[in-house]
N, C-alpha and C. Protein backbone atom coordinates (compact mmCIF):
# COMPACT_ATOMS: atom_id res chain seq x y z
N MET A 1 44.61 61.69 -98.16
CA MET A 1 43.19 61.73 -98.10
C MET A 1 42.97 61.65 -96.72
N HIS A 2 41.68 62.16 -96.10
CA HIS A 2 41.47 62.09 -94.80
C HIS A 2 40.66 60.57 -94.71
N ALA A 3 40.56 60.13 -93.61
CA ALA A 3 39.88 59.10 -93.20
C ALA A 3 38.32 59.01 -93.75
N LYS A 4 37.58 60.43 -93.83
CA LYS A 4 36.20 60.47 -93.82
C LYS A 4 36.24 60.38 -95.47
N GLU A 5 37.05 61.06 -96.22
CA GLU A 5 37.35 61.01 -97.59
C GLU A 5 37.23 59.45 -98.19
N THR A 6 38.36 58.64 -97.42
CA THR A 6 38.54 57.47 -97.84
C THR A 6 37.30 56.45 -97.68
N ARG A 7 36.47 56.73 -96.54
CA ARG A 7 35.30 56.07 -96.45
C ARG A 7 34.18 56.21 -97.35
N ARG A 8 34.37 57.67 -97.70
CA ARG A 8 33.19 58.09 -98.80
C ARG A 8 33.65 57.37 -100.17
N PHE A 9 34.72 57.48 -100.42
CA PHE A 9 35.00 56.70 -101.71
C PHE A 9 35.12 55.24 -101.86
N MET A 10 35.25 54.69 -100.64
CA MET A 10 35.15 53.25 -100.47
C MET A 10 33.59 52.85 -100.71
N ILE A 11 32.81 53.65 -100.32
CA ILE A 11 31.28 53.30 -100.16
C ILE A 11 31.03 53.58 -101.88
N LEU A 12 31.52 54.83 -102.19
CA LEU A 12 31.16 55.18 -103.73
C LEU A 12 31.88 53.82 -104.68
N ALA A 13 33.09 53.35 -104.58
CA ALA A 13 33.55 52.12 -105.38
C ALA A 13 32.60 51.00 -105.12
N ALA A 14 32.03 50.75 -103.96
CA ALA A 14 31.20 49.78 -103.75
C ALA A 14 29.98 49.68 -104.54
N LEU A 15 29.22 50.97 -104.36
CA LEU A 15 28.21 51.43 -105.24
C LEU A 15 28.42 51.10 -106.70
N PHE A 16 29.53 51.66 -107.16
CA PHE A 16 29.63 51.36 -108.65
C PHE A 16 29.98 49.92 -109.15
N ALA A 17 30.52 49.29 -108.15
CA ALA A 17 30.46 47.82 -108.50
C ALA A 17 29.31 47.26 -108.46
N VAL A 18 28.48 47.57 -107.59
CA VAL A 18 26.80 47.12 -107.61
C VAL A 18 26.05 47.62 -109.00
N LEU A 19 26.45 49.00 -109.10
CA LEU A 19 25.56 49.60 -110.41
C LEU A 19 26.21 48.83 -111.57
N THR A 20 27.45 48.29 -111.85
CA THR A 20 27.96 47.69 -112.85
C THR A 20 27.24 46.18 -112.81
N ALA A 21 27.24 45.66 -111.90
CA ALA A 21 26.55 44.27 -111.72
C ALA A 21 24.99 44.43 -112.19
N VAL A 22 24.39 45.59 -111.82
CA VAL A 22 22.80 45.78 -112.03
C VAL A 22 22.68 45.95 -113.65
N GLY A 23 23.94 46.80 -114.23
CA GLY A 23 24.07 47.28 -115.47
C GLY A 23 24.30 45.89 -116.46
N ALA A 24 24.95 44.94 -116.01
CA ALA A 24 24.74 43.47 -116.63
C ALA A 24 23.67 42.75 -117.12
N TRP A 25 22.74 43.16 -116.11
CA TRP A 25 21.43 42.43 -116.10
C TRP A 25 20.31 43.23 -116.84
N ILE A 26 20.65 44.53 -117.07
CA ILE A 26 19.69 45.38 -117.88
C ILE A 26 20.06 45.18 -119.44
N ARG A 27 18.97 44.50 -120.21
CA ARG A 27 19.07 44.24 -121.42
C ARG A 27 18.23 45.24 -122.40
N ILE A 28 18.84 45.79 -123.26
CA ILE A 28 18.09 46.77 -124.21
C ILE A 28 18.08 46.23 -125.51
N PRO A 29 16.86 46.01 -126.39
CA PRO A 29 17.19 45.53 -127.58
C PRO A 29 17.78 46.50 -128.30
N PHE A 30 18.70 45.93 -129.31
CA PHE A 30 19.60 46.71 -130.24
C PHE A 30 19.64 45.95 -131.26
N PRO A 31 19.92 46.37 -132.58
CA PRO A 31 20.24 45.58 -133.71
C PRO A 31 21.40 44.62 -133.71
N LEU A 32 21.22 43.56 -134.12
CA LEU A 32 22.59 42.32 -133.92
C LEU A 32 22.31 42.01 -132.58
N VAL A 33 22.87 42.67 -131.45
CA VAL A 33 23.08 42.22 -130.35
C VAL A 33 22.44 43.17 -129.29
N PRO A 34 22.01 42.66 -127.97
CA PRO A 34 21.31 43.33 -126.98
C PRO A 34 22.34 44.32 -126.15
N LEU A 35 22.06 45.17 -125.78
CA LEU A 35 22.87 46.20 -125.03
C LEU A 35 22.68 45.84 -123.56
N THR A 36 24.04 46.13 -122.91
CA THR A 36 23.92 45.87 -121.22
C THR A 36 24.52 47.29 -121.01
N LEU A 37 24.23 47.63 -119.72
CA LEU A 37 25.00 48.81 -119.42
C LEU A 37 26.25 48.79 -118.50
N GLN A 38 26.67 47.91 -118.62
CA GLN A 38 28.20 47.66 -117.87
C GLN A 38 29.11 48.70 -118.29
N VAL A 39 29.20 48.81 -119.70
CA VAL A 39 30.27 49.68 -120.26
C VAL A 39 30.06 51.28 -119.56
N PHE A 40 28.81 51.47 -119.62
CA PHE A 40 28.15 52.96 -119.05
C PHE A 40 28.64 53.17 -117.62
N PHE A 41 28.56 52.19 -116.65
CA PHE A 41 28.92 52.37 -115.50
C PHE A 41 30.45 52.32 -115.18
N VAL A 42 31.12 51.59 -115.96
CA VAL A 42 32.59 51.45 -116.00
C VAL A 42 33.35 52.69 -116.26
N LEU A 43 32.71 53.44 -117.35
CA LEU A 43 33.28 54.65 -117.83
C LEU A 43 32.77 55.90 -116.66
N LEU A 44 31.39 55.73 -116.13
CA LEU A 44 31.40 56.93 -114.94
C LEU A 44 31.91 56.56 -114.02
N SER A 45 32.40 55.37 -113.39
CA SER A 45 33.40 54.84 -112.37
C SER A 45 34.55 55.65 -112.27
N GLY A 46 35.14 55.66 -113.64
CA GLY A 46 36.63 56.33 -113.91
C GLY A 46 36.36 57.68 -113.83
N ILE A 47 35.42 58.28 -114.43
CA ILE A 47 35.36 59.73 -114.50
C ILE A 47 34.81 60.42 -113.45
N LEU A 48 34.14 59.70 -112.55
CA LEU A 48 33.83 60.13 -111.43
C LEU A 48 34.49 60.01 -110.01
N LEU A 49 35.15 58.98 -110.08
CA LEU A 49 35.89 58.54 -108.71
C LEU A 49 37.33 58.50 -109.07
N GLY A 50 37.88 58.66 -110.30
CA GLY A 50 39.31 58.89 -110.35
C GLY A 50 40.05 57.61 -110.78
N PRO A 51 41.39 57.63 -110.96
CA PRO A 51 42.23 56.64 -111.54
C PRO A 51 42.56 55.74 -110.29
N PHE A 52 42.05 55.87 -109.32
CA PHE A 52 42.33 54.74 -108.13
C PHE A 52 41.17 54.31 -107.90
N TRP A 53 40.06 54.88 -107.36
CA TRP A 53 38.83 54.34 -106.85
C TRP A 53 37.86 53.80 -108.02
N GLY A 54 38.07 54.26 -109.03
CA GLY A 54 37.30 53.68 -110.35
C GLY A 54 37.83 52.40 -110.51
N PRO A 55 39.02 52.35 -110.81
CA PRO A 55 39.50 50.90 -110.98
C PRO A 55 39.22 49.95 -109.73
N VAL A 56 39.24 50.28 -108.71
CA VAL A 56 38.69 49.49 -107.52
C VAL A 56 37.59 49.07 -107.39
N SER A 57 36.53 50.08 -108.02
CA SER A 57 35.21 49.59 -108.18
C SER A 57 34.99 48.23 -109.07
N GLN A 58 35.67 48.52 -110.21
CA GLN A 58 35.74 47.43 -111.37
C GLN A 58 36.59 46.12 -110.66
N GLY A 59 37.28 46.32 -110.18
CA GLY A 59 38.15 45.26 -109.57
C GLY A 59 37.30 44.47 -108.51
N LEU A 60 36.53 45.22 -107.81
CA LEU A 60 35.55 44.58 -106.82
C LEU A 60 34.54 43.92 -107.69
N TYR A 61 34.02 44.59 -108.82
CA TYR A 61 33.07 43.77 -109.44
C TYR A 61 33.57 42.29 -109.99
N LEU A 62 34.60 42.41 -110.52
CA LEU A 62 35.17 41.18 -111.15
C LEU A 62 35.66 40.31 -110.09
N PHE A 63 36.00 40.55 -108.61
CA PHE A 63 35.96 39.74 -107.66
C PHE A 63 34.76 38.99 -107.21
N LEU A 64 33.89 39.71 -107.19
CA LEU A 64 32.58 39.37 -106.86
C LEU A 64 32.29 38.11 -107.82
N GLY A 65 32.20 38.39 -109.21
CA GLY A 65 32.15 37.53 -110.11
C GLY A 65 32.96 36.29 -109.90
N PHE A 66 34.17 36.30 -109.76
CA PHE A 66 35.20 35.27 -109.39
C PHE A 66 34.55 34.43 -108.29
N LEU A 67 34.31 35.27 -107.22
CA LEU A 67 33.75 34.37 -106.18
C LEU A 67 32.66 33.80 -106.28
N GLY A 68 31.87 33.70 -107.33
CA GLY A 68 30.49 32.95 -107.73
C GLY A 68 29.29 33.65 -107.66
N LEU A 69 29.36 34.91 -107.34
CA LEU A 69 28.02 35.75 -107.47
C LEU A 69 27.57 36.00 -108.58
N PRO A 70 26.42 35.78 -109.26
CA PRO A 70 25.88 36.08 -110.36
C PRO A 70 25.88 37.68 -110.96
N VAL A 71 26.95 38.27 -111.08
CA VAL A 71 27.02 39.51 -111.20
C VAL A 71 27.47 39.88 -112.57
N LEU A 72 27.73 38.93 -113.42
CA LEU A 72 28.42 39.36 -114.73
C LEU A 72 27.28 39.11 -115.82
N ALA A 73 27.14 39.26 -116.93
CA ALA A 73 26.42 39.35 -117.82
C ALA A 73 26.17 37.74 -118.25
N GLY A 74 25.11 37.53 -118.41
CA GLY A 74 24.84 36.09 -118.82
C GLY A 74 25.05 34.91 -117.85
N ALA A 75 25.03 35.55 -116.57
CA ALA A 75 25.02 34.67 -115.09
C ALA A 75 26.25 33.84 -115.14
N ALA A 76 27.54 34.11 -115.76
CA ALA A 76 28.71 33.53 -115.66
C ALA A 76 29.31 34.06 -114.18
N SER A 77 29.98 33.15 -113.59
CA SER A 77 30.31 33.30 -112.26
C SER A 77 31.41 32.11 -111.69
N GLY A 78 32.20 32.54 -111.26
CA GLY A 78 33.34 31.68 -110.57
C GLY A 78 34.51 31.67 -111.03
N PRO A 79 35.60 30.97 -110.72
CA PRO A 79 36.81 30.81 -111.19
C PRO A 79 36.69 30.44 -112.91
N GLY A 80 35.78 29.97 -113.37
CA GLY A 80 35.75 29.57 -114.69
C GLY A 80 35.55 30.83 -115.54
N ILE A 81 35.19 32.02 -115.01
CA ILE A 81 35.21 33.16 -116.00
C ILE A 81 36.61 33.62 -116.61
N LEU A 82 37.76 33.02 -115.89
CA LEU A 82 39.21 33.30 -116.66
C LEU A 82 39.04 32.89 -118.03
N PHE A 83 38.41 31.66 -117.99
CA PHE A 83 38.39 31.11 -119.51
C PHE A 83 37.26 31.29 -120.37
N LEU A 84 36.65 32.33 -119.95
CA LEU A 84 35.35 33.00 -121.12
C LEU A 84 36.22 33.63 -122.16
N PRO A 85 35.60 33.43 -123.32
CA PRO A 85 36.05 34.40 -124.70
C PRO A 85 35.91 35.72 -124.18
N THR A 86 34.91 36.33 -123.23
CA THR A 86 34.71 37.71 -123.05
C THR A 86 35.71 38.13 -121.55
N PHE A 87 36.50 37.25 -121.24
CA PHE A 87 37.29 37.65 -120.05
C PHE A 87 38.17 38.65 -120.37
N GLY A 88 38.72 39.26 -121.42
CA GLY A 88 39.62 40.21 -121.83
C GLY A 88 38.86 41.45 -121.90
N PHE A 89 37.39 41.48 -122.06
CA PHE A 89 36.84 42.61 -122.12
C PHE A 89 36.52 42.91 -120.48
N LEU A 90 36.30 41.88 -119.67
CA LEU A 90 36.14 42.34 -118.25
C LEU A 90 37.46 42.90 -117.55
N LEU A 91 38.56 42.37 -118.07
CA LEU A 91 39.63 43.06 -117.53
C LEU A 91 39.88 44.39 -118.18
N GLY A 92 39.43 44.68 -119.08
CA GLY A 92 39.48 45.84 -119.92
C GLY A 92 38.62 46.96 -119.09
N PHE A 93 37.71 46.33 -118.11
CA PHE A 93 36.83 47.16 -117.58
C PHE A 93 37.77 47.96 -116.58
N ILE A 94 38.60 47.28 -115.70
CA ILE A 94 39.52 47.98 -114.87
C ILE A 94 40.52 49.02 -115.57
N GLY A 95 41.20 48.77 -116.63
CA GLY A 95 41.85 49.59 -117.21
C GLY A 95 40.95 50.60 -117.82
N ALA A 96 39.84 50.71 -118.48
CA ALA A 96 39.10 51.64 -119.02
C ALA A 96 38.86 52.62 -117.89
N SER A 97 38.29 51.90 -116.67
CA SER A 97 37.98 52.90 -115.75
C SER A 97 39.37 53.58 -115.10
N TRP A 98 40.53 53.09 -115.05
CA TRP A 98 41.67 53.69 -114.95
C TRP A 98 42.08 55.05 -115.76
N ILE A 99 41.88 54.62 -117.11
CA ILE A 99 42.21 55.55 -118.08
C ILE A 99 41.28 56.83 -118.35
N ALA A 100 40.12 56.42 -117.95
CA ALA A 100 38.84 57.40 -118.06
C ALA A 100 38.99 58.50 -116.67
N GLY A 101 39.37 57.68 -115.53
CA GLY A 101 39.87 58.62 -114.42
C GLY A 101 40.98 59.43 -114.53
N TRP A 102 42.01 58.54 -115.15
CA TRP A 102 43.46 59.34 -115.00
C TRP A 102 43.17 60.65 -116.14
N TYR A 103 42.42 60.61 -117.14
CA TYR A 103 42.10 61.58 -118.03
C TYR A 103 41.32 62.88 -117.34
N SER A 104 40.24 62.49 -116.72
CA SER A 104 39.27 63.26 -116.15
C SER A 104 39.96 64.02 -114.83
N PHE A 105 40.89 63.38 -114.30
CA PHE A 105 41.40 63.96 -112.99
C PHE A 105 42.82 64.75 -113.14
N ARG A 106 43.28 64.89 -114.50
CA ARG A 106 44.40 65.39 -114.81
C ARG A 106 44.13 66.97 -114.60
N ARG A 107 45.09 67.71 -114.00
CA ARG A 107 45.18 69.14 -113.85
C ARG A 107 44.73 69.83 -115.07
N GLY A 108 43.74 70.64 -115.07
CA GLY A 108 43.16 71.31 -116.43
C GLY A 108 42.08 70.98 -116.86
N VAL A 109 41.88 69.58 -116.65
CA VAL A 109 40.39 68.85 -117.01
C VAL A 109 39.66 68.87 -115.67
N ARG A 110 40.27 68.78 -114.53
CA ARG A 110 39.05 68.63 -113.33
C ARG A 110 38.46 70.07 -113.10
N GLU A 111 39.50 70.91 -113.80
CA GLU A 111 38.78 72.40 -113.56
C GLU A 111 37.99 72.82 -114.44
N ASN A 112 38.13 72.11 -115.76
CA ASN A 112 37.17 72.24 -116.85
C ASN A 112 36.00 71.30 -117.10
N VAL A 113 35.25 71.16 -116.03
CA VAL A 113 34.26 70.27 -116.61
C VAL A 113 33.31 70.51 -118.00
N SER A 114 33.93 69.69 -118.98
CA SER A 114 33.12 69.94 -120.23
C SER A 114 32.85 68.59 -120.85
N PHE A 115 31.86 68.78 -121.85
CA PHE A 115 31.56 67.81 -122.69
C PHE A 115 33.00 67.05 -123.43
N ARG A 116 33.45 68.01 -123.97
CA ARG A 116 34.85 67.44 -124.79
C ARG A 116 35.68 66.68 -123.85
N ASN A 117 36.00 67.33 -122.80
CA ASN A 117 37.08 66.50 -121.72
C ASN A 117 36.33 65.04 -121.25
N TYR A 118 35.12 65.22 -121.14
CA TYR A 118 34.33 63.98 -120.46
C TYR A 118 34.43 62.81 -121.89
N ALA A 119 34.21 63.34 -122.99
CA ALA A 119 34.00 62.66 -124.36
C ALA A 119 35.45 61.70 -124.41
N VAL A 120 36.59 62.62 -124.14
CA VAL A 120 37.90 61.90 -124.76
C VAL A 120 37.98 61.16 -123.94
N ALA A 121 37.63 61.18 -122.34
CA ALA A 121 37.70 60.15 -121.43
C ALA A 121 37.16 59.06 -121.75
N SER A 122 36.01 59.25 -122.00
CA SER A 122 35.11 58.13 -122.42
C SER A 122 35.65 57.10 -123.79
N LEU A 123 35.95 57.99 -124.68
CA LEU A 123 36.32 57.29 -125.81
C LEU A 123 37.85 56.44 -125.64
N LEU A 124 38.69 57.04 -124.60
CA LEU A 124 39.80 56.39 -124.28
C LEU A 124 39.54 54.99 -123.62
N GLY A 125 38.54 55.20 -122.60
CA GLY A 125 38.00 53.93 -121.97
C GLY A 125 37.53 52.80 -122.82
N ILE A 126 36.62 53.21 -123.81
CA ILE A 126 36.35 52.55 -124.88
C ILE A 126 37.60 51.78 -125.66
N GLY A 127 38.27 52.56 -126.01
CA GLY A 127 39.61 51.91 -126.56
C GLY A 127 40.24 50.85 -125.55
N VAL A 128 40.50 51.15 -124.46
CA VAL A 128 41.06 50.11 -123.48
C VAL A 128 40.28 48.81 -123.36
N ILE A 129 39.05 49.07 -123.33
CA ILE A 129 38.19 47.73 -123.24
C ILE A 129 38.39 47.09 -124.45
N TYR A 130 38.27 47.66 -125.89
CA TYR A 130 38.30 46.89 -126.90
C TYR A 130 39.74 46.22 -127.13
N PHE A 131 40.67 46.97 -126.60
CA PHE A 131 42.14 46.63 -126.60
C PHE A 131 42.22 45.11 -125.87
N PHE A 132 41.93 45.19 -124.70
CA PHE A 132 42.02 44.01 -123.89
C PHE A 132 41.06 42.94 -124.24
N GLY A 133 39.97 43.58 -124.61
CA GLY A 133 38.88 42.39 -125.27
C GLY A 133 39.21 41.56 -126.35
N LEU A 134 39.66 42.33 -127.41
CA LEU A 134 40.05 41.69 -128.40
C LEU A 134 41.38 40.91 -128.44
N LEU A 135 42.40 41.39 -127.72
CA LEU A 135 43.24 40.37 -127.69
C LEU A 135 43.24 39.05 -126.80
N GLY A 136 42.31 39.15 -125.67
CA GLY A 136 41.62 38.19 -124.93
C GLY A 136 40.92 37.27 -125.83
N LEU A 137 40.02 37.63 -126.49
CA LEU A 137 39.17 36.88 -127.45
C LEU A 137 40.02 36.30 -128.65
N TYR A 138 41.12 36.79 -129.16
CA TYR A 138 41.95 36.20 -129.97
C TYR A 138 42.73 34.96 -129.20
N TRP A 139 43.22 35.40 -128.14
CA TRP A 139 43.96 34.43 -127.25
C TRP A 139 43.11 33.17 -127.09
N ASN A 140 41.56 33.43 -126.52
CA ASN A 140 40.96 32.48 -125.96
C ASN A 140 40.52 31.62 -127.31
N LEU A 141 40.15 32.03 -128.46
CA LEU A 141 39.68 31.46 -129.59
C LEU A 141 40.90 30.43 -130.24
N ASN A 142 41.99 31.23 -130.40
CA ASN A 142 43.16 30.32 -130.92
C ASN A 142 43.91 29.38 -129.87
N TYR A 143 44.01 29.73 -128.95
CA TYR A 143 44.95 29.02 -127.87
C TYR A 143 43.69 28.06 -127.11
N LEU A 144 42.63 28.54 -126.44
CA LEU A 144 41.90 27.73 -125.69
C LEU A 144 40.81 26.89 -126.41
N GLY A 145 40.21 27.62 -127.46
CA GLY A 145 39.19 27.10 -128.24
C GLY A 145 40.00 26.08 -129.37
N GLY A 146 41.00 26.31 -129.72
CA GLY A 146 41.43 25.53 -130.76
C GLY A 146 41.52 25.80 -132.17
N LYS A 147 40.88 27.16 -132.32
CA LYS A 147 40.26 27.59 -133.85
C LYS A 147 41.53 28.28 -134.38
N GLU A 148 41.79 28.15 -135.62
CA GLU A 148 42.81 29.10 -136.12
C GLU A 148 41.70 30.32 -136.86
N ILE A 149 42.14 31.75 -135.90
CA ILE A 149 41.14 32.59 -136.45
C ILE A 149 42.01 33.80 -136.50
N SER A 150 42.02 34.80 -137.59
CA SER A 150 42.68 36.02 -137.39
C SER A 150 42.44 36.93 -136.80
N LEU A 151 43.39 37.83 -136.28
CA LEU A 151 42.91 39.34 -135.54
C LEU A 151 41.92 39.93 -136.44
N LEU A 152 41.61 39.91 -137.78
CA LEU A 152 40.58 40.64 -138.47
C LEU A 152 39.28 39.89 -138.38
N GLN A 153 39.41 38.62 -138.29
CA GLN A 153 38.34 37.74 -137.80
C GLN A 153 37.53 38.02 -136.38
N VAL A 154 38.48 38.15 -135.74
CA VAL A 154 38.23 38.58 -134.03
C VAL A 154 37.68 39.88 -134.10
N CYS A 155 38.01 40.89 -134.94
CA CYS A 155 37.47 42.25 -134.78
C CYS A 155 35.91 42.13 -135.29
N ARG A 156 35.80 41.17 -136.21
CA ARG A 156 34.26 41.07 -137.03
C ARG A 156 33.80 40.71 -135.89
N ILE A 157 33.98 39.83 -135.07
CA ILE A 157 33.33 38.99 -134.07
C ILE A 157 32.77 39.80 -132.96
N GLY A 158 34.01 40.39 -132.26
CA GLY A 158 34.11 41.26 -131.11
C GLY A 158 33.96 42.77 -130.98
N PHE A 159 34.26 43.35 -132.26
CA PHE A 159 34.11 44.72 -132.44
C PHE A 159 32.93 45.08 -133.09
N LEU A 160 32.77 44.76 -134.39
CA LEU A 160 31.88 45.41 -135.39
C LEU A 160 30.36 45.17 -134.71
N PRO A 161 29.81 44.27 -134.18
CA PRO A 161 28.53 44.14 -133.64
C PRO A 161 28.49 44.86 -132.30
N PHE A 162 29.40 45.31 -131.68
CA PHE A 162 29.19 45.94 -130.49
C PHE A 162 29.46 47.72 -130.21
N ILE A 163 30.21 47.83 -131.29
CA ILE A 163 31.01 49.34 -131.40
C ILE A 163 29.81 50.40 -131.19
N ALA A 164 28.72 50.44 -132.10
CA ALA A 164 27.95 51.29 -132.17
C ALA A 164 27.01 51.37 -130.82
N GLY A 165 26.65 50.28 -130.20
CA GLY A 165 26.18 50.35 -128.75
C GLY A 165 26.97 50.85 -127.70
N ASP A 166 28.36 50.48 -127.96
CA ASP A 166 29.24 51.09 -126.77
C ASP A 166 29.45 52.79 -126.90
N LEU A 167 29.61 52.91 -128.29
CA LEU A 167 29.54 54.52 -128.48
C LEU A 167 28.43 55.41 -127.97
N LEU A 168 27.17 54.61 -128.10
CA LEU A 168 25.92 55.14 -127.29
C LEU A 168 26.11 55.49 -125.87
N LYS A 169 26.71 54.19 -125.30
CA LYS A 169 26.87 54.06 -123.71
C LYS A 169 28.10 55.24 -123.47
N ALA A 170 28.93 55.48 -124.37
CA ALA A 170 30.01 56.50 -123.91
C ALA A 170 29.54 57.92 -124.05
N ALA A 171 28.63 58.17 -124.87
CA ALA A 171 27.83 59.34 -125.05
C ALA A 171 27.08 59.66 -123.84
N GLY A 172 26.18 58.68 -123.43
CA GLY A 172 25.39 58.76 -122.28
C GLY A 172 26.21 58.93 -120.98
N ALA A 173 27.27 58.27 -120.74
CA ALA A 173 28.13 58.38 -119.78
C ALA A 173 28.82 59.70 -119.72
N THR A 174 29.22 60.41 -121.08
CA THR A 174 29.61 61.68 -121.10
C THR A 174 28.73 62.81 -120.63
N LEU A 175 27.63 62.69 -121.04
CA LEU A 175 26.47 63.55 -120.71
C LEU A 175 26.32 63.49 -119.14
N LEU A 176 25.89 62.27 -118.80
CA LEU A 176 25.59 62.34 -117.30
C LEU A 176 27.10 62.68 -116.43
N ALA A 177 28.07 62.33 -116.99
CA ALA A 177 29.21 62.77 -115.90
C ALA A 177 29.37 64.33 -116.12
N GLN A 178 29.13 64.88 -117.19
CA GLN A 178 29.23 66.47 -117.30
C GLN A 178 28.16 67.17 -116.43
N ARG A 179 26.86 66.58 -116.15
CA ARG A 179 26.00 67.11 -115.18
C ARG A 179 26.39 66.64 -113.81
N VAL A 180 26.88 65.75 -113.47
CA VAL A 180 27.17 65.30 -112.21
C VAL A 180 28.29 65.84 -111.74
N GLY A 181 29.55 66.04 -112.81
CA GLY A 181 30.71 66.91 -112.72
C GLY A 181 30.66 68.20 -112.20
N VAL A 182 29.64 68.94 -113.02
CA VAL A 182 29.31 70.35 -112.50
C VAL A 182 28.81 70.38 -111.13
N ARG A 183 28.04 69.72 -110.72
CA ARG A 183 27.53 69.28 -109.36
C ARG A 183 28.60 69.21 -108.37
N LEU A 184 29.50 68.38 -108.73
CA LEU A 184 30.24 67.97 -107.70
C LEU A 184 31.56 69.11 -107.66
N GLN A 185 31.72 69.79 -108.95
CA GLN A 185 32.76 70.86 -108.58
C GLN A 185 32.08 72.08 -107.89
N SER A 186 30.71 72.19 -107.91
CA SER A 186 29.95 73.28 -106.94
C SER A 186 30.10 72.79 -105.51
N LEU A 187 30.30 71.67 -105.46
CA LEU A 187 30.38 71.22 -104.08
C LEU A 187 31.76 71.18 -103.51
N GLY A 188 32.84 71.19 -104.15
CA GLY A 188 33.96 71.48 -103.92
C GLY A 188 34.78 70.08 -103.98
N TYR A 189 34.24 68.88 -104.81
CA TYR A 189 34.83 67.80 -104.84
C TYR A 189 35.77 67.40 -106.04
N LEU A 190 35.58 68.37 -106.87
CA LEU A 190 36.49 68.58 -108.05
C LEU A 190 37.26 69.87 -108.27
N GLY A 191 38.49 69.89 -108.92
CA GLY A 191 39.24 70.94 -108.90
C GLY A 191 40.02 71.34 -107.93
N GLY A 192 40.31 70.42 -106.79
CA GLY A 192 41.21 70.73 -105.90
C GLY A 192 42.27 69.82 -105.56
């Protein structure tokens, strides 16, 4: 990668970190729980920036929250975020961005900017977020919170109320990525 490309991707990674922070503050009324747009930008970061720069953007986002900047949903910040019940979901952002980027940048997928390919990338990303998130929530509640709670109960708390909204965000990220992906491909940024 040339220095010019590296600078461009560094800027884009920083932009996606900021977009994820802004997405944490945007609340859309939805039955049961309000939606934020973090997951939307997490998925887009991976699909558009790839398996290296996408996770870099999400790592930067978490690092800013760890430093104490109020970038996380609910204004949580500082080293204490490590002990939040939602920390597993936040860690999942890095993994989701990586898996979405890995799938999107595979040979054959890069050259075929399609709804199907980006939908698979988005769904893989959602799966990773929930994998890390539910394990983190289980660990937090059972070992830090001192509650005896089963994995099924954790799924009722951390999965069922949120999955419909996250699937909507995945669909939105897929649609936008497809439109942007076609444009990037025409400019020569994809498929090479």
